C-alpha atoms as a PDB file:
ATOM      1  CA  MET A   1       1.623 -65.093  13.771  1.00  0.00           C
ATOM      2  CA  SER A   2      -1.744 -64.225  15.356  1.00  0.00           C
ATOM      3  CA  VAL A   3      -2.648 -62.143  12.304  1.00  0.00           C
ATOM      4  CA  MET A   4      -1.971 -65.100  10.013  1.00  0.00           C
ATOM      5  CA  LEU A   5      -4.093 -67.413  12.145  1.00  0.00           C
ATOM      6  CA  ASP A   6      -6.920 -64.876  12.345  1.00  0.00           C
ATOM      7  CA  VAL A   7      -6.971 -64.599   8.568  1.00  0.00           C
ATOM      8  CA  PHE A   8      -7.035 -68.369   8.226  1.00  0.00           C
ATOM      9  CA  ALA A   9      -9.999 -68.657  10.604  1.00  0.00           C
ATOM     10  CA  SER A  10     -12.131 -65.934   9.021  1.00  0.00           C
ATOM     11  CA  ALA A  11     -15.301 -66.921   7.152  1.00  0.00           C
ATOM     12  CA  GLY A  12     -14.530 -64.351   4.448  1.00  0.00           C
ATOM     13  CA  LEU A  13     -11.408 -66.288   3.471  1.00  0.00           C
ATOM     14  CA  TRP A  14     -13.333 -69.484   2.778  1.00  0.00           C
ATOM     15  CA  GLU A  15     -16.083 -67.662   0.902  1.00  0.00           C
ATOM     16  CA  ALA A  16     -13.385 -66.172  -1.305  1.00  0.00           C
ATOM     17  CA  VAL A  17     -11.782 -69.594  -1.826  1.00  0.00           C
ATOM     18  CA  LEU A  18     -14.938 -70.938  -3.474  1.00  0.00           C
ATOM     19  CA  ARG A  19     -15.312 -67.770  -5.536  1.00  0.00           C
ATOM     20  CA  ILE A  20     -11.696 -67.770  -6.761  1.00  0.00           C
ATOM     21  CA  ALA A  21     -11.780 -71.522  -7.426  1.00  0.00           C
ATOM     22  CA  THR A  22     -14.851 -71.407  -9.688  1.00  0.00           C
ATOM     23  CA  PRO A  23     -13.191 -70.291 -12.976  1.00  0.00           C
ATOM     24  CA  LEU A  24     -10.335 -72.713 -12.249  1.00  0.00           C
ATOM     25  CA  ILE A  25     -12.803 -75.583 -11.825  1.00  0.00           C
ATOM     26  CA  PHE A  26     -14.418 -74.814 -15.177  1.00  0.00           C
ATOM     27  CA  GLY A  27     -11.049 -74.403 -16.901  1.00  0.00           C
ATOM     28  CA  THR A  28      -9.448 -77.468 -15.344  1.00  0.00           C
ATOM     29  CA  LEU A  29     -12.411 -79.727 -16.137  1.00  0.00           C
ATOM     30  CA  GLY A  30     -12.385 -78.475 -19.724  1.00  0.00           C
ATOM     31  CA  ALA A  31      -8.658 -79.071 -20.152  1.00  0.00           C
ATOM     32  CA  LEU A  32      -8.911 -82.438 -18.408  1.00  0.00           C
ATOM     33  CA  LEU A  33     -11.689 -83.550 -20.763  1.00  0.00           C
ATOM     34  CA  CYS A  34      -9.646 -82.630 -23.843  1.00  0.00           C
ATOM     35  CA  GLU A  35      -6.542 -84.395 -22.556  1.00  0.00           C
ATOM     36  CA  ARG A  36      -8.357 -87.573 -21.568  1.00  0.00           C
ATOM     37  CA  ALA A  37      -9.183 -87.906 -25.276  1.00  0.00           C
ATOM     38  CA  GLY A  38      -5.554 -87.251 -26.240  1.00  0.00           C
ATOM     39  CA  VAL A  39      -5.686 -83.564 -27.241  1.00  0.00           C
ATOM     40  CA  LEU A  40      -3.736 -80.803 -25.466  1.00  0.00           C
ATOM     41  CA  ASN A  41      -5.665 -77.526 -25.691  1.00  0.00           C
ATOM     42  CA  LEU A  42      -3.374 -74.555 -25.067  1.00  0.00           C
ATOM     43  CA  GLY A  43      -6.030 -72.257 -26.465  1.00  0.00           C
ATOM     44  CA  ILE A  44      -7.575 -72.152 -22.994  1.00  0.00           C
ATOM     45  CA  GLU A  45      -6.287 -68.699 -22.020  1.00  0.00           C
ATOM     46  CA  GLY A  46      -7.741 -67.098 -25.151  1.00  0.00           C
ATOM     47  CA  ILE A  47     -10.967 -69.106 -24.972  1.00  0.00           C
ATOM     48  CA  MET A  48     -11.511 -67.963 -21.386  1.00  0.00           C
ATOM     49  CA  THR A  49     -10.848 -64.342 -22.386  1.00  0.00           C
ATOM     50  CA  PHE A  50     -13.295 -64.546 -25.289  1.00  0.00           C
ATOM     51  CA  GLY A  51     -15.868 -66.289 -23.086  1.00  0.00           C
ATOM     52  CA  ALA A  52     -15.560 -63.491 -20.540  1.00  0.00           C
ATOM     53  CA  MET A  53     -16.036 -60.829 -23.213  1.00  0.00           C
ATOM     54  CA  ILE A  54     -18.918 -62.414 -25.129  1.00  0.00           C
ATOM     55  CA  ALA A  55     -20.815 -63.231 -21.927  1.00  0.00           C
ATOM     56  CA  TRP A  56     -20.471 -59.655 -20.732  1.00  0.00           C
ATOM     57  CA  LEU A  57     -21.360 -58.236 -24.174  1.00  0.00           C
ATOM     58  CA  THR A  58     -24.453 -60.453 -24.432  1.00  0.00           C
ATOM     59  CA  VAL A  59     -25.783 -59.265 -21.084  1.00  0.00           C
ATOM     60  CA  PHE A  60     -24.730 -55.679 -21.783  1.00  0.00           C
ATOM     61  CA  GLY A  61     -26.881 -55.911 -24.924  1.00  0.00           C
ATOM     62  CA  GLY A  62     -29.928 -56.718 -22.804  1.00  0.00           C
ATOM     63  CA  ALA A  63     -29.940 -60.521 -22.582  1.00  0.00           C
ATOM     64  CA  ASN A  64     -30.442 -62.658 -19.501  1.00  0.00           C
ATOM     65  CA  LEU A  65     -27.392 -63.693 -17.436  1.00  0.00           C
ATOM     66  CA  TRP A  66     -27.979 -67.363 -18.251  1.00  0.00           C
ATOM     67  CA  VAL A  67     -28.146 -66.490 -21.938  1.00  0.00           C
ATOM     68  CA  GLY A  68     -24.767 -64.825 -21.453  1.00  0.00           C
ATOM     69  CA  LEU A  69     -23.381 -68.085 -20.086  1.00  0.00           C
ATOM     70  CA  LEU A  70     -24.833 -70.019 -23.021  1.00  0.00           C
ATOM     71  CA  ALA A  71     -23.355 -67.538 -25.494  1.00  0.00           C
ATOM     72  CA  ALA A  72     -19.931 -67.963 -23.902  1.00  0.00           C
ATOM     73  CA  ALA A  73     -20.214 -71.760 -24.015  1.00  0.00           C
ATOM     74  CA  ALA A  74     -21.260 -71.647 -27.674  1.00  0.00           C
ATOM     75  CA  CYS A  75     -18.306 -69.421 -28.612  1.00  0.00           C
ATOM     76  CA  GLY A  76     -15.953 -71.645 -26.632  1.00  0.00           C
ATOM     77  CA  ALA A  77     -17.308 -74.642 -28.534  1.00  0.00           C
ATOM     78  CA  LEU A  78     -16.608 -72.893 -31.839  1.00  0.00           C
ATOM     79  CA  PHE A  79     -12.995 -72.246 -30.862  1.00  0.00           C
ATOM     80  CA  GLY A  80     -12.803 -75.870 -29.734  1.00  0.00           C
ATOM     81  CA  LEU A  81     -14.099 -76.953 -33.133  1.00  0.00           C
ATOM     82  CA  LEU A  82     -11.385 -74.844 -34.778  1.00  0.00           C
ATOM     83  CA  HIS A  83      -8.704 -76.392 -32.574  1.00  0.00           C
ATOM     84  CA  ALA A  84     -10.019 -79.914 -33.102  1.00  0.00           C
ATOM     85  CA  GLY A  85     -10.371 -79.386 -36.850  1.00  0.00           C
ATOM     86  CA  MET A  86      -6.704 -78.485 -37.194  1.00  0.00           C
ATOM     87  CA  THR A  87      -5.237 -80.983 -34.742  1.00  0.00           C
ATOM     88  CA  VAL A  88      -7.399 -84.111 -35.121  1.00  0.00           C
ATOM     89  CA  PRO A  89      -8.154 -84.766 -38.813  1.00  0.00           C
ATOM     90  CA  LEU A  90      -5.255 -82.600 -40.106  1.00  0.00           C
ATOM     91  CA  GLY A  91      -2.820 -83.697 -37.387  1.00  0.00           C
ATOM     92  CA  LEU A  92      -1.204 -80.255 -36.949  1.00  0.00           C
ATOM     93  CA  SER A  93       0.904 -79.469 -33.880  1.00  0.00           C
ATOM     94  CA  GLN A  94      -1.333 -79.192 -30.837  1.00  0.00           C
ATOM     95  CA  HIS A  95       1.102 -76.787 -29.154  1.00  0.00           C
ATOM     96  CA  VAL A  96       1.274 -74.356 -32.067  1.00  0.00           C
ATOM     97  CA  THR A  97      -2.437 -74.525 -32.824  1.00  0.00           C
ATOM     98  CA  GLY A  98      -3.401 -73.976 -29.200  1.00  0.00           C
ATOM     99  CA  LEU A  99      -1.112 -70.982 -28.779  1.00  0.00           C
ATOM    100  CA  GLY A 100      -2.406 -69.573 -32.065  1.00  0.00           C
ATOM    101  CA  ILE A 101      -5.980 -69.856 -30.811  1.00  0.00           C
ATOM    102  CA  THR A 102      -5.030 -68.108 -27.594  1.00  0.00           C
ATOM    103  CA  LEU A 103      -3.614 -65.190 -29.573  1.00  0.00           C
ATOM    104  CA  LEU A 104      -6.559 -65.142 -31.984  1.00  0.00           C
ATOM    105  CA  ALA A 105      -9.266 -65.360 -29.323  1.00  0.00           C
ATOM    106  CA  SER A 106      -7.627 -62.773 -27.038  1.00  0.00           C
ATOM    107  CA  SER A 107      -7.129 -60.294 -29.871  1.00  0.00           C
ATOM    108  CA  LEU A 108     -10.611 -60.876 -31.265  1.00  0.00           C
ATOM    109  CA  ALA A 109     -12.137 -60.359 -27.816  1.00  0.00           C
ATOM    110  CA  TYR A 110     -10.377 -57.018 -27.428  1.00  0.00           C
ATOM    111  CA  TYR A 111     -11.301 -55.970 -30.977  1.00  0.00           C
ATOM    112  CA  LEU A 112     -15.006 -56.768 -30.555  1.00  0.00           C
ATOM    113  CA  PHE A 113     -15.025 -55.125 -27.146  1.00  0.00           C
ATOM    114  CA  ARG A 114     -13.621 -51.926 -28.605  1.00  0.00           C
ATOM    115  CA  LEU A 115     -16.115 -52.026 -31.463  1.00  0.00           C
ATOM    116  CA  ALA A 116     -18.969 -52.283 -28.971  1.00  0.00           C
ATOM    117  CA  VAL A 117     -17.505 -49.933 -26.382  1.00  0.00           C
ATOM    118  CA  PRO A 118     -15.317 -47.066 -27.579  1.00  0.00           C
ATOM    119  CA  VAL A 119     -12.354 -46.166 -25.392  1.00  0.00           C
ATOM    120  CA  GLN A 120     -13.553 -44.901 -22.023  1.00  0.00           C
ATOM    121  CA  GLY A 121     -11.950 -44.237 -18.681  1.00  0.00           C
ATOM    122  CA  THR A 122     -14.200 -46.656 -16.832  1.00  0.00           C
ATOM    123  CA  PRO A 123     -15.680 -49.754 -18.547  1.00  0.00           C
ATOM    124  CA  PRO A 124     -19.495 -49.935 -18.396  1.00  0.00           C
ATOM    125  CA  THR A 125     -20.981 -52.406 -15.951  1.00  0.00           C
ATOM    126  CA  ILE A 126     -23.853 -54.897 -15.883  1.00  0.00           C
ATOM    127  CA  GLU A 127     -26.055 -56.369 -13.151  1.00  0.00           C
ATOM    128  CA  ALA A 128     -24.114 -59.529 -12.293  1.00  0.00           C
ATOM    129  CA  PHE A 129     -25.229 -62.750 -10.587  1.00  0.00           C
ATOM    130  CA  GLN A 130     -26.008 -62.255  -6.890  1.00  0.00           C
ATOM    131  CA  PRO A 131     -25.341 -64.710  -4.023  1.00  0.00           C
ATOM    132  CA  VAL A 132     -28.150 -67.255  -3.725  1.00  0.00           C
ATOM    133  CA  GLY A 133     -28.704 -66.509  -0.022  1.00  0.00           C
ATOM    134  CA  TRP A 134     -31.031 -69.485   0.478  1.00  0.00           C
ATOM    135  CA  ALA A 135     -32.214 -69.571   4.119  1.00  0.00           C
ATOM    136  CA  TRP A 136     -32.328 -73.381   4.272  1.00  0.00           C
ATOM    137  CA  LEU A 137     -28.717 -73.489   3.054  1.00  0.00           C
ATOM    138  CA  GLU A 138     -27.544 -70.890   5.559  1.00  0.00           C
ATOM    139  CA  ALA A 139     -29.050 -73.026   8.336  1.00  0.00           C
ATOM    140  CA  ILE A 140     -26.533 -75.806   7.661  1.00  0.00           C
ATOM    141  CA  PRO A 141     -23.673 -75.441  10.184  1.00  0.00           C
ATOM    142  CA  VAL A 142     -20.240 -74.257   8.988  1.00  0.00           C
ATOM    143  CA  VAL A 143     -20.556 -75.049   5.279  1.00  0.00           C
ATOM    144  CA  GLY A 144     -24.048 -73.608   4.754  1.00  0.00           C
ATOM    145  CA  PRO A 145     -23.226 -69.882   5.109  1.00  0.00           C
ATOM    146  CA  LEU A 146     -20.173 -70.304   2.868  1.00  0.00           C
ATOM    147  CA  LEU A 147     -22.257 -71.877   0.105  1.00  0.00           C
ATOM    148  CA  ALA A 148     -25.142 -69.423   0.498  1.00  0.00           C
ATOM    149  CA  ALA A 149     -22.726 -66.574  -0.207  1.00  0.00           C
ATOM    150  CA  GLN A 150     -21.918 -68.019  -3.654  1.00  0.00           C
ATOM    151  CA  THR A 151     -23.583 -67.284  -6.980  1.00  0.00           C
ATOM    152  CA  PRO A 152     -25.359 -69.851  -9.239  1.00  0.00           C
ATOM    153  CA  PRO A 153     -22.362 -70.425 -11.590  1.00  0.00           C
ATOM    154  CA  THR A 154     -20.333 -71.697  -8.628  1.00  0.00           C
ATOM    155  CA  PHE A 155     -22.964 -74.369  -7.981  1.00  0.00           C
ATOM    156  CA  LEU A 156     -22.890 -75.252 -11.673  1.00  0.00           C
ATOM    157  CA  ALA A 157     -19.105 -75.713 -11.504  1.00  0.00           C
ATOM    158  CA  LEU A 158     -19.368 -77.860  -8.367  1.00  0.00           C
ATOM    159  CA  ALA A 159     -22.113 -79.990  -9.942  1.00  0.00           C
ATOM    160  CA  LEU A 160     -20.005 -80.604 -13.037  1.00  0.00           C
ATOM    161  CA  VAL A 161     -17.292 -82.345 -10.980  1.00  0.00           C
ATOM    162  CA  PRO A 162     -19.307 -85.471  -9.981  1.00  0.00           C
ATOM    163  CA  LEU A 163     -21.078 -85.413 -13.334  1.00  0.00           C
ATOM    164  CA  LEU A 164     -17.826 -85.544 -15.300  1.00  0.00           C
ATOM    165  CA  ALA A 165     -16.356 -88.095 -12.892  1.00  0.00           C
ATOM    166  CA  PHE A 166     -19.392 -90.317 -13.420  1.00  0.00           C
ATOM    167  CA  VAL A 167     -19.363 -89.924 -17.200  1.00  0.00           C
ATOM    168  CA  LEU A 168     -15.654 -90.755 -17.458  1.00  0.00           C
ATOM    169  CA  ALA A 169     -15.747 -93.678 -15.023  1.00  0.00           C
ATOM    170  CA  ALA A 170     -19.100 -95.355 -15.540  1.00  0.00           C
ATOM    171  CA  THR A 171     -20.558 -94.670 -18.979  1.00  0.00           C
ATOM    172  CA  PRO A 172     -19.832 -96.007 -22.497  1.00  0.00           C
ATOM    173  CA  LEU A 173     -19.066 -92.442 -23.584  1.00  0.00           C
ATOM    174  CA  GLY A 174     -16.478 -92.095 -20.840  1.00  0.00           C
ATOM    175  CA  LEU A 175     -14.935 -95.407 -21.806  1.00  0.00           C
ATOM    176  CA  ALA A 176     -14.721 -94.243 -25.429  1.00  0.00           C
ATOM    177  CA  ILE A 177     -13.014 -90.999 -24.372  1.00  0.00           C
ATOM    178  CA  ARG A 178     -10.517 -92.814 -22.148  1.00  0.00           C
ATOM    179  CA  MET A 179      -9.727 -95.461 -24.766  1.00  0.00           C
ATOM    180  CA  THR A 180      -9.198 -92.766 -27.396  1.00  0.00           C
ATOM    181  CA  GLY A 181      -6.765 -90.983 -25.098  1.00  0.00           C
ATOM    182  CA  GLU A 182      -4.870 -94.172 -24.299  1.00  0.00           C
ATOM    183  CA  ASN A 183      -4.890 -96.114 -27.560  1.00  0.00           C
ATOM    184  CA  PRO A 184      -7.018 -94.793 -30.433  1.00  0.00           C
ATOM    185  CA  HIS A 185      -6.205 -97.800 -32.622  1.00  0.00           C
ATOM    186  CA  ALA A 186      -7.554-100.160 -29.989  1.00  0.00           C
ATOM    187  CA  ALA A 187     -10.586 -97.922 -29.612  1.00  0.00           C
ATOM    188  CA  GLU A 188     -11.277 -98.118 -33.329  1.00  0.00           C
ATOM    189  CA  ALA A 189     -10.979-101.900 -33.184  1.00  0.00           C
ATOM    190  CA  GLN A 190     -13.816-101.812 -30.658  1.00  0.00           C
ATOM    191  CA  GLY A 191     -16.036 -99.840 -33.025  1.00  0.00           C
ATOM    192  CA  ILE A 192     -15.276 -96.378 -31.606  1.00  0.00           C
ATOM    193  CA  ASP A 193     -14.542 -93.518 -33.996  1.00  0.00           C
ATOM    194  CA  PRO A 194     -11.450 -91.847 -32.442  1.00  0.00           C
ATOM    195  CA  ILE A 195     -11.654 -88.785 -34.697  1.00  0.00           C
ATOM    196  CA  ALA A 196     -15.293 -88.043 -33.881  1.00  0.00           C
ATOM    197  CA  THR A 197     -14.651 -88.740 -30.195  1.00  0.00           C
ATOM    198  CA  ARG A 198     -11.693 -86.362 -30.056  1.00  0.00           C
ATOM    199  CA  ILE A 199     -13.511 -83.604 -31.930  1.00  0.00           C
ATOM    200  CA  GLY A 200     -16.598 -83.873 -29.727  1.00  0.00           C
ATOM    201  CA  THR A 201     -14.518 -83.931 -26.562  1.00  0.00           C
ATOM    202  CA  VAL A 202     -12.459 -80.889 -27.499  1.00  0.00           C
ATOM    203  CA  VAL A 203     -15.623 -78.964 -28.414  1.00  0.00           C
ATOM    204  CA  ALA A 204     -17.232 -79.821 -25.045  1.00  0.00           C
ATOM    205  CA  GLY A 205     -14.038 -79.105 -23.108  1.00  0.00           C
ATOM    206  CA  SER A 206     -13.614 -75.730 -24.779  1.00  0.00           C
ATOM    207  CA  ALA A 207     -17.192 -74.802 -23.922  1.00  0.00           C
ATOM    208  CA  LEU A 208     -16.359 -75.466 -20.248  1.00  0.00           C
ATOM    209  CA  MET A 209     -13.247 -73.296 -20.522  1.00  0.00           C
ATOM    210  CA  ALA A 210     -15.344 -70.399 -21.869  1.00  0.00           C
ATOM    211  CA  LEU A 211     -17.720 -70.761 -18.915  1.00  0.00           C
ATOM    212  CA  GLY A 212     -14.728 -70.162 -16.652  1.00  0.00           C
ATOM    213  CA  GLY A 213     -14.139 -66.845 -18.383  1.00  0.00           C
ATOM    214  CA  ALA A 214     -17.840 -65.988 -18.320  1.00  0.00           C
ATOM    215  CA  PHE A 215     -17.873 -66.420 -14.535  1.00  0.00           C
ATOM    216  CA  LEU A 216     -15.378 -63.575 -14.221  1.00  0.00           C
ATOM    217  CA  THR A 217     -17.604 -61.021 -15.956  1.00  0.00           C
ATOM    218  CA  LEU A 218     -21.021 -62.287 -14.869  1.00  0.00           C
ATOM    219  CA  SER A 219     -20.287 -63.152 -11.247  1.00  0.00           C
ATOM    220  CA  ALA A 220     -16.852 -62.246  -9.873  1.00  0.00           C
ATOM    221  CA  PHE A 221     -16.926 -58.797 -11.549  1.00  0.00           C
ATOM    222  CA  ASN A 222     -19.551 -56.893 -13.489  1.00  0.00           C
ATOM    223  CA  SER A 223     -17.464 -55.551 -16.360  1.00  0.00           C
ATOM    224  CA  PHE A 224     -14.884 -56.748 -18.855  1.00  0.00           C
ATOM    225  CA  PHE A 225     -11.143 -56.052 -18.848  1.00  0.00           C
ATOM    226  CA  PRO A 226      -8.936 -57.530 -21.619  1.00  0.00           C
ATOM    227  CA  THR A 227      -6.403 -58.848 -19.081  1.00  0.00           C
ATOM    228  CA  MET A 228      -8.868 -60.123 -16.502  1.00  0.00           C
ATOM    229  CA  VAL A 229      -8.156 -63.850 -17.022  1.00  0.00           C
ATOM    230  CA  GLN A 230      -4.622 -63.227 -15.699  1.00  0.00           C
ATOM    231  CA  GLY A 231      -3.110 -66.625 -16.408  1.00  0.00           C
ATOM    232  CA  ARG A 232      -5.972 -68.695 -14.990  1.00  0.00           C
ATOM    233  CA  GLY A 233      -5.926 -70.768 -18.180  1.00  0.00           C
ATOM    234  CA  TRP A 234      -2.268 -71.721 -17.699  1.00  0.00           C
ATOM    235  CA  VAL A 235      -2.930 -72.500 -14.047  1.00  0.00           C
ATOM    236  CA  SER A 236      -5.759 -74.808 -15.161  1.00  0.00           C
ATOM    237  CA  ILE A 237      -3.394 -76.668 -17.501  1.00  0.00           C
ATOM    238  CA  ALA A 238      -1.009 -77.205 -14.567  1.00  0.00           C
ATOM    239  CA  LEU A 239      -3.867 -78.284 -12.305  1.00  0.00           C
ATOM    240  CA  VAL A 240      -4.738 -81.077 -14.747  1.00  0.00           C
ATOM    241  CA  VAL A 241      -1.315 -82.600 -14.015  1.00  0.00           C
ATOM    242  CA  PHE A 242      -1.827 -82.037 -10.291  1.00  0.00           C
ATOM    243  CA  ALA A 243      -5.199 -83.783 -10.623  1.00  0.00           C
ATOM    244  CA  MET A 244      -3.711 -86.738 -12.474  1.00  0.00           C
ATOM    245  CA  TRP A 245      -6.519 -86.321 -15.023  1.00  0.00           C
ATOM    246  CA  ARG A 246      -9.238 -87.034 -12.435  1.00  0.00           C
ATOM    247  CA  PRO A 247     -12.177 -84.634 -11.840  1.00  0.00           C
ATOM    248  CA  TRP A 248     -12.272 -84.914  -8.031  1.00  0.00           C
ATOM    249  CA  ARG A 249      -8.569 -84.174  -7.798  1.00  0.00           C
ATOM    250  CA  ALA A 250      -9.133 -81.242 -10.168  1.00  0.00           C
ATOM    251  CA  LEU A 251     -11.599 -79.808  -7.673  1.00  0.00           C
ATOM    252  CA  LEU A 252      -9.077 -80.290  -4.875  1.00  0.00           C
ATOM    253  CA  GLY A 253      -6.326 -78.585  -6.879  1.00  0.00           C
ATOM    254  CA  ALA A 254      -8.530 -75.616  -7.776  1.00  0.00           C
ATOM    255  CA  LEU A 255      -9.558 -75.167  -4.132  1.00  0.00           C
ATOM    256  CA  LEU A 256      -5.951 -75.424  -2.994  1.00  0.00           C
ATOM    257  CA  PHE A 257      -4.716 -72.781  -5.433  1.00  0.00           C
ATOM    258  CA  ALA A 258      -7.682 -70.552  -4.550  1.00  0.00           C
ATOM    259  CA  LEU A 259      -6.835 -70.930  -0.862  1.00  0.00           C
ATOM    260  CA  PHE A 260      -3.256 -69.782  -1.485  1.00  0.00           C
ATOM    261  CA  ASP A 261      -4.525 -66.838  -3.549  1.00  0.00           C
ATOM    262  CA  ALA A 262      -7.243 -65.737  -1.128  1.00  0.00           C
ATOM    263  CA  TYR A 263      -4.847 -66.088   1.797  1.00  0.00           C
ATOM    264  CA  GLN A 264      -2.143 -63.934   0.218  1.00  0.00           C
ATOM    265  CA  LEU A 265      -4.662 -61.205  -0.646  1.00  0.00           C
ATOM    266  CA  ARG A 266      -5.680 -60.921   2.987  1.00  0.00           C
ATOM    267  CA  LEU A 267      -2.128 -61.089   4.269  1.00  0.00           C
ATOM    268  CA  GLN A 268      -1.266 -58.348   1.793  1.00  0.00           C
ATOM    269  CA  ALA A 269      -3.947 -56.145   3.313  1.00  0.00           C
ATOM    270  CA  GLN A 270      -2.740 -56.899   6.842  1.00  0.00           C
ATOM    271  CA  LEU A 271       1.042 -56.856   6.344  1.00  0.00           C
ATOM    272  CA  GLY A 272       1.432 -54.952   3.066  1.00  0.00           C
ATOM    273  CA  LYS A 273       3.312 -52.079   4.716  1.00  0.00           C
ATOM    274  CA  GLU A 274       5.860 -54.394   6.307  1.00  0.00           C
ATOM    275  CA  VAL A 275       6.491 -56.875   3.474  1.00  0.00           C
ATOM    276  CA  PRO A 276       6.759 -56.106  -0.298  1.00  0.00           C
ATOM    277  CA  TYR A 277       3.449 -57.013  -1.936  1.00  0.00           C
ATOM    278  CA  GLN A 278       5.272 -58.857  -4.757  1.00  0.00           C
ATOM    279  CA  LEU A 279       6.173 -61.585  -2.272  1.00  0.00           C
ATOM    280  CA  PHE A 280       2.493 -62.126  -1.513  1.00  0.00           C
ATOM    281  CA  LEU A 281       1.626 -62.232  -5.218  1.00  0.00           C
ATOM    282  CA  MET A 282       4.228 -64.946  -5.786  1.00  0.00           C
ATOM    283  CA  MET A 283       3.033 -67.088  -2.904  1.00  0.00           C
ATOM    284  CA  PRO A 284       0.175 -69.039  -4.591  1.00  0.00           C
ATOM    285  CA  TYR A 285       2.325 -69.799  -7.630  1.00  0.00           C
ATOM    286  CA  ILE A 286       5.333 -70.932  -5.604  1.00  0.00           C
ATOM    287  CA  LEU A 287       3.188 -73.158  -3.411  1.00  0.00           C
ATOM    288  CA  SER A 288       1.388 -74.525  -6.469  1.00  0.00           C
ATOM    289  CA  ILE A 289       4.693 -75.331  -8.177  1.00  0.00           C
ATOM    290  CA  ALA A 290       5.827 -77.152  -5.044  1.00  0.00           C
ATOM    291  CA  ALA A 291       2.586 -79.163  -4.992  1.00  0.00           C
ATOM    292  CA  LEU A 292       2.944 -79.911  -8.704  1.00  0.00           C
ATOM    293  CA  VAL A 293       6.489 -81.185  -8.260  1.00  0.00           C
ATOM    294  CA  VAL A 294       5.276 -83.638  -5.636  1.00  0.00           C
ATOM    295  CA  MET A 295       2.174 -84.784  -7.503  1.00  0.00           C
ATOM    296  CA  ALA A 296       3.672 -84.849 -11.019  1.00  0.00           C
ATOM    297  CA  ARG A 297       6.166 -87.526  -9.977  1.00  0.00           C
ATOM    298  CA  ARG A 298       3.252 -89.945  -9.647  1.00  0.00           C
ATOM    299  CA  ALA A 299       1.183 -88.637 -12.554  1.00  0.00           C
ATOM    300  CA  ARG A 300       0.295 -91.067 -15.309  1.00  0.00           C
ATOM    301  CA  VAL A 301      -0.137 -89.221 -18.594  1.00  0.00           C
ATOM    302  CA  PRO A 302      -2.713 -90.549 -21.109  1.00  0.00           C
ATOM    303  CA  GLN A 303      -0.603 -92.656 -23.449  1.00  0.00           C
ATOM    304  CA  ALA A 304      -1.850 -91.064 -26.676  1.00  0.00           C
ATOM    305  CA  LEU A 305      -1.794 -87.462 -25.446  1.00  0.00           C
ATOM    306  CA  MET A 306      -0.563 -85.136 -28.234  1.00  0.00           C
ATOM    307  CA  GLN A 307      -0.182 -88.062 -30.633  1.00  0.00           C
ATOM    308  CA  PRO A 308      -2.062 -87.471 -33.910  1.00  0.00           C
ATOM    309  CA  TYR A 309      -4.277 -90.331 -35.024  1.00  0.00           C
ATOM    310  CA  ARG A 310      -4.465 -91.433 -38.641  1.00  0.00           C
ATOM    311  CA  ARG A 311      -6.473 -94.436 -39.709  1.00  0.00           C
ATOM    312  CA  GLY A 312      -4.360 -97.354 -40.917  1.00  0.00           C
ATOM    313  CA  GLU A 313      -1.123 -96.015 -39.390  1.00  0.00           C
ATOM    314  CA  ARG A 314       0.564 -97.606 -36.385  1.00  0.00           C
END
């Protein structure tokens, strides 16, 4: 018991929580944005994988780290445009299209990676983002040292939470997105173009998803592995339900899952010889499922989610 409490009280655990939560924050905000406009984007796993690869490849080719992030966002937006083009004006199945994009983006990422880097034993590395280490931030009690140990993309993810919450709750654009996700016919009656709103929202949401992947190669690690996303996209989809489609709750859900994950990693190191490591690996998912069961009972799904919109049809 003392080992478990010691792990819980260590500063390294909480630094890791923020680090592990960052790609989930990007992914969950991206998925949340798409769904608030009425579009389910199951392409998230592939978009994150492609974002991770293209960000790494851009920097590996000599570009700046921030340019790598922009390249990932741009590629994510393109996949979002593909998804929106097939599901919004054409009205194709959002499930099938999203899964198809996941397969396409994942395969394309691996193909381009192998074209750029022939098979090697150890993948080449880049100089990744470093912790900010600001002295004035470290001087803040308790929270300051934890934040100072993070890299710039983590601050970007944290800043996006209040920004998206403000846009959705207090701006005409946010109102248009929410109306489109609830009742696109009513939105059109108010002069809003539901098709353009959905396409734009899916493109922006997919760009955020790709940033989540880019964080893995440009900050958490310094190289690319085809399987490095490891289901974070699917976890983000589940966290949207946990969050009840609200950005602040999305942040809470991402931090909670990251806490479970960081905690099990440290317990594994401490008790791995006494308990099978598979039990530790299952822990964050089991606890997340339990949290989802509780929260999903009260979740209110956007009324027009996954419903295709066609002008003139009711």
